[in-house]
Amino acid sequence: MSGIEIMGIIAGGLTTTSLVPQVIKTYKSRSAADLSLKMFSLFSLGVLLWLIYGIINKDLPIILANLFTLALALTLLFFKFRFKG
């Protein structure tokens, strides 16, 4: 693995983990009222397209980062519908 790939994995890890506190807060509070449905829908679609791009190009850092980011974003979308109000 090259230094550039390692840097990509670290960058992806940092941006991906930025969603973890929001997932935890939303789960604990059982409230997603402050989450924007439009924003997280568009964000999830963008991340899905990045994931597909990474798969097509066999780019491991892009695949890993976007796979986990998509899982977290979809979790927040799930909470948005689950914790109405």
N, C-alpha and C. Protein backbone atom coordinates (compact mmCIF):
# COMPACT_ATOMS: atom_id res chain seq x y z
N MET A 1 0.86 -1.17 0.00
CA MET A 1 0.00 0.00 0.00
C MET A 1 0.90 1.23 0.00
N SER A 2 0.60 2.16 -0.89
CA SER A 2 1.42 3.35 -1.03
C SER A 2 1.09 4.39 0.03
N GLY A 3 1.96 5.36 0.17
CA GLY A 3 1.73 6.45 1.11
C GLY A 3 0.48 7.24 0.76
N ILE A 4 0.21 7.37 -0.53
CA ILE A 4 -0.97 8.10 -0.97
C ILE A 4 -2.23 7.34 -0.58
N GLU A 5 -2.22 6.02 -0.70
CA GLU A 5 -3.37 5.22 -0.29
C GLU A 5 -3.58 5.32 1.22
N ILE A 6 -2.49 5.28 1.98
CA ILE A 6 -2.59 5.41 3.44
C ILE A 6 -3.19 6.77 3.81
N MET A 7 -2.72 7.82 3.13
CA MET A 7 -3.26 9.15 3.38
C MET A 7 -4.76 9.18 3.05
N GLY A 8 -5.15 8.54 1.96
CA GLY A 8 -6.56 8.48 1.59
C GLY A 8 -7.40 7.76 2.62
N ILE A 9 -6.86 6.66 3.16
CA ILE A 9 -7.58 5.91 4.20
C ILE A 9 -7.73 6.75 5.46
N ILE A 10 -6.66 7.45 5.85
CA ILE A 10 -6.73 8.30 7.03
C ILE A 10 -7.73 9.44 6.82
N ALA A 11 -7.69 10.09 5.66
CA ALA A 11 -8.63 11.17 5.36
C ALA A 11 -10.07 10.66 5.38
N GLY A 12 -10.30 9.52 4.75
CA GLY A 12 -11.63 8.94 4.74
C GLY A 12 -12.09 8.56 6.13
N GLY A 13 -11.16 8.03 6.93
CA GLY A 13 -11.50 7.66 8.31
C GLY A 13 -11.90 8.86 9.15
N LEU A 14 -11.17 9.95 8.98
CA LEU A 14 -11.49 11.15 9.75
C LEU A 14 -12.84 11.74 9.35
N THR A 15 -13.10 11.84 8.05
CA THR A 15 -14.38 12.41 7.63
C THR A 15 -15.54 11.47 7.95
N THR A 16 -15.30 10.18 7.87
CA THR A 16 -16.35 9.22 8.18
C THR A 16 -16.70 9.25 9.66
N THR A 17 -15.68 9.27 10.50
CA THR A 17 -15.95 9.25 11.94
C THR A 17 -16.60 10.54 12.43
N SER A 18 -16.58 11.58 11.59
CA SER A 18 -17.24 12.82 12.01
C SER A 18 -18.75 12.64 12.16
N LEU A 19 -19.31 11.61 11.53
CA LEU A 19 -20.75 11.35 11.67
C LEU A 19 -21.09 10.54 12.92
N VAL A 20 -20.12 9.88 13.50
CA VAL A 20 -20.37 9.00 14.65
C VAL A 20 -21.00 9.76 15.83
N PRO A 21 -20.49 10.93 16.23
CA PRO A 21 -21.13 11.63 17.34
C PRO A 21 -22.60 11.96 17.07
N GLN A 22 -22.93 12.29 15.83
CA GLN A 22 -24.33 12.60 15.50
C GLN A 22 -25.20 11.35 15.61
N VAL A 23 -24.68 10.22 15.15
CA VAL A 23 -25.43 8.96 15.26
C VAL A 23 -25.69 8.63 16.73
N ILE A 24 -24.66 8.76 17.54
CA ILE A 24 -24.79 8.46 18.98
C ILE A 24 -25.78 9.42 19.64
N LYS A 25 -25.64 10.71 19.36
CA LYS A 25 -26.54 11.71 19.97
C LYS A 25 -27.99 11.45 19.57
N THR A 26 -28.22 11.18 18.29
CA THR A 26 -29.57 10.95 17.81
C THR A 26 -30.16 9.69 18.43
N TYR A 27 -29.36 8.66 18.54
CA TYR A 27 -29.83 7.41 19.14
C TYR A 27 -30.17 7.60 20.62
N LYS A 28 -29.29 8.25 21.35
CA LYS A 28 -29.52 8.45 22.78
C LYS A 28 -30.71 9.35 23.07
N SER A 29 -30.86 10.40 22.28
CA SER A 29 -31.95 11.35 22.52
C SER A 29 -33.28 10.89 21.92
N ARG A 30 -33.19 9.90 21.03
CA ARG A 30 -34.39 9.41 20.33
C ARG A 30 -35.11 10.54 19.61
N SER A 31 -34.33 11.51 19.14
CA SER A 31 -34.89 12.63 18.40
C SER A 31 -34.01 12.95 17.20
N ALA A 32 -34.66 13.05 16.04
CA ALA A 32 -33.96 13.43 14.82
C ALA A 32 -34.59 14.69 14.23
N ALA A 33 -35.28 15.42 15.07
CA ALA A 33 -36.00 16.61 14.60
C ALA A 33 -35.07 17.64 13.97
N ASP A 34 -33.85 17.73 14.46
CA ASP A 34 -32.91 18.73 13.94
C ASP A 34 -32.16 18.27 12.71
N LEU A 35 -32.34 17.03 12.30
CA LEU A 35 -31.66 16.53 11.11
C LEU A 35 -32.46 16.90 9.87
N SER A 36 -31.77 17.37 8.86
CA SER A 36 -32.43 17.75 7.62
C SER A 36 -32.60 16.52 6.73
N LEU A 37 -33.83 16.17 6.43
CA LEU A 37 -34.11 15.03 5.56
C LEU A 37 -33.53 15.24 4.16
N LYS A 38 -33.70 16.44 3.63
CA LYS A 38 -33.18 16.73 2.29
C LYS A 38 -31.66 16.64 2.26
N MET A 39 -31.01 17.21 3.27
CA MET A 39 -29.55 17.20 3.30
C MET A 39 -29.02 15.78 3.37
N PHE A 40 -29.54 14.97 4.30
CA PHE A 40 -29.02 13.61 4.44
C PHE A 40 -29.41 12.71 3.27
N SER A 41 -30.52 13.01 2.61
CA SER A 41 -30.89 12.26 1.41
C SER A 41 -29.91 12.56 0.28
N LEU A 42 -29.65 13.84 0.05
CA LEU A 42 -28.69 14.22 -0.99
C LEU A 42 -27.28 13.73 -0.65
N PHE A 43 -26.90 13.86 0.60
CA PHE A 43 -25.59 13.41 1.05
C PHE A 43 -25.43 11.91 0.82
N SER A 44 -26.45 11.14 1.17
CA SER A 44 -26.39 9.68 0.99
C SER A 44 -26.29 9.31 -0.47
N LEU A 45 -27.02 10.00 -1.33
CA LEU A 45 -26.94 9.74 -2.76
C LEU A 45 -25.54 10.05 -3.29
N GLY A 46 -24.98 11.17 -2.86
CA GLY A 46 -23.62 11.53 -3.26
C GLY A 46 -22.60 10.50 -2.80
N VAL A 47 -22.72 10.05 -1.57
CA VAL A 47 -21.80 9.05 -1.03
C VAL A 47 -21.95 7.73 -1.78
N LEU A 48 -23.19 7.35 -2.11
CA LEU A 48 -23.41 6.13 -2.89
C LEU A 48 -22.71 6.24 -4.25
N LEU A 49 -22.82 7.39 -4.89
CA LEU A 49 -22.14 7.57 -6.18
C LEU A 49 -20.62 7.51 -6.03
N TRP A 50 -20.08 8.09 -4.95
CA TRP A 50 -18.64 7.98 -4.68
C TRP A 50 -18.24 6.52 -4.46
N LEU A 51 -19.08 5.76 -3.77
CA LEU A 51 -18.80 4.35 -3.55
C LEU A 51 -18.75 3.60 -4.87
N ILE A 52 -19.72 3.84 -5.73
CA ILE A 52 -19.74 3.20 -7.04
C ILE A 52 -18.50 3.60 -7.85
N TYR A 53 -18.15 4.87 -7.80
CA TYR A 53 -16.94 5.36 -8.47
C TYR A 53 -15.70 4.61 -7.96
N GLY A 54 -15.60 4.47 -6.64
CA GLY A 54 -14.46 3.77 -6.06
C GLY A 54 -14.41 2.31 -6.48
N ILE A 55 -15.56 1.66 -6.54
CA ILE A 55 -15.62 0.26 -6.95
C ILE A 55 -15.19 0.12 -8.41
N ILE A 56 -15.71 0.99 -9.27
CA ILE A 56 -15.35 0.94 -10.69
C ILE A 56 -13.85 1.12 -10.87
N ASN A 57 -13.26 2.04 -10.11
CA ASN A 57 -11.83 2.34 -10.24
C ASN A 57 -10.95 1.49 -9.33
N LYS A 58 -11.58 0.58 -8.57
CA LYS A 58 -10.84 -0.30 -7.65
C LYS A 58 -9.93 0.52 -6.73
N ASP A 59 -10.51 1.57 -6.16
CA ASP A 59 -9.78 2.49 -5.29
C ASP A 59 -10.18 2.20 -3.84
N LEU A 60 -9.35 1.44 -3.15
CA LEU A 60 -9.68 0.97 -1.80
C LEU A 60 -10.00 2.09 -0.81
N PRO A 61 -9.21 3.17 -0.74
CA PRO A 61 -9.56 4.22 0.22
C PRO A 61 -10.94 4.83 -0.05
N ILE A 62 -11.29 5.04 -1.30
CA ILE A 62 -12.60 5.61 -1.63
C ILE A 62 -13.70 4.61 -1.30
N ILE A 63 -13.47 3.34 -1.59
CA ILE A 63 -14.46 2.31 -1.29
C ILE A 63 -14.71 2.23 0.21
N LEU A 64 -13.65 2.10 0.99
CA LEU A 64 -13.80 1.94 2.44
C LEU A 64 -14.46 3.15 3.08
N ALA A 65 -13.97 4.33 2.75
CA ALA A 65 -14.50 5.55 3.37
C ALA A 65 -15.99 5.72 3.05
N ASN A 66 -16.34 5.52 1.82
CA ASN A 66 -17.72 5.75 1.42
C ASN A 66 -18.65 4.63 1.83
N LEU A 67 -18.15 3.43 1.97
CA LEU A 67 -18.97 2.33 2.47
C LEU A 67 -19.41 2.61 3.91
N PHE A 68 -18.46 3.00 4.75
CA PHE A 68 -18.79 3.30 6.14
C PHE A 68 -19.58 4.60 6.28
N THR A 69 -19.24 5.60 5.48
CA THR A 69 -19.99 6.85 5.52
C THR A 69 -21.44 6.63 5.11
N LEU A 70 -21.65 5.83 4.08
CA LEU A 70 -23.01 5.54 3.64
C LEU A 70 -23.78 4.81 4.74
N ALA A 71 -23.14 3.88 5.42
CA ALA A 71 -23.81 3.16 6.50
C ALA A 71 -24.24 4.13 7.61
N LEU A 72 -23.37 5.06 7.96
CA LEU A 72 -23.71 6.03 9.01
C LEU A 72 -24.80 6.99 8.55
N ALA A 73 -24.71 7.47 7.32
CA ALA A 73 -25.71 8.39 6.80
C ALA A 73 -27.07 7.71 6.69
N LEU A 74 -27.09 6.46 6.25
CA LEU A 74 -28.36 5.73 6.17
C LEU A 74 -28.93 5.45 7.55
N THR A 75 -28.05 5.26 8.53
CA THR A 75 -28.50 5.09 9.91
C THR A 75 -29.21 6.35 10.38
N LEU A 76 -28.64 7.51 10.06
CA LEU A 76 -29.28 8.77 10.45
C LEU A 76 -30.61 8.97 9.72
N LEU A 77 -30.68 8.57 8.45
CA LEU A 77 -31.95 8.65 7.73
C LEU A 77 -32.98 7.72 8.36
N PHE A 78 -32.54 6.53 8.74
CA PHE A 78 -33.44 5.59 9.43
C PHE A 78 -33.97 6.22 10.71
N PHE A 79 -33.07 6.83 11.49
CA PHE A 79 -33.49 7.49 12.73
C PHE A 79 -34.47 8.63 12.44
N LYS A 80 -34.27 9.33 11.33
CA LYS A 80 -35.15 10.44 10.98
C LYS A 80 -36.59 9.95 10.83
N PHE A 81 -36.76 8.78 10.25
CA PHE A 81 -38.10 8.23 10.09
C PHE A 81 -38.58 7.50 11.36
N ARG A 82 -37.67 6.91 12.09
CA ARG A 82 -38.02 6.13 13.28
C ARG A 82 -38.41 7.03 14.46
N PHE A 83 -37.64 8.09 14.65
CA PHE A 83 -37.85 8.97 15.79
C PHE A 83 -38.59 10.23 15.36
N LYS A 84 -39.76 10.08 14.83
CA LYS A 84 -40.52 11.24 14.35
C LYS A 84 -40.87 12.16 15.51
N GLY A 85 -40.84 13.46 15.20
CA GLY A 85 -41.24 14.42 16.22
C GLY A 85 -40.13 14.93 16.95
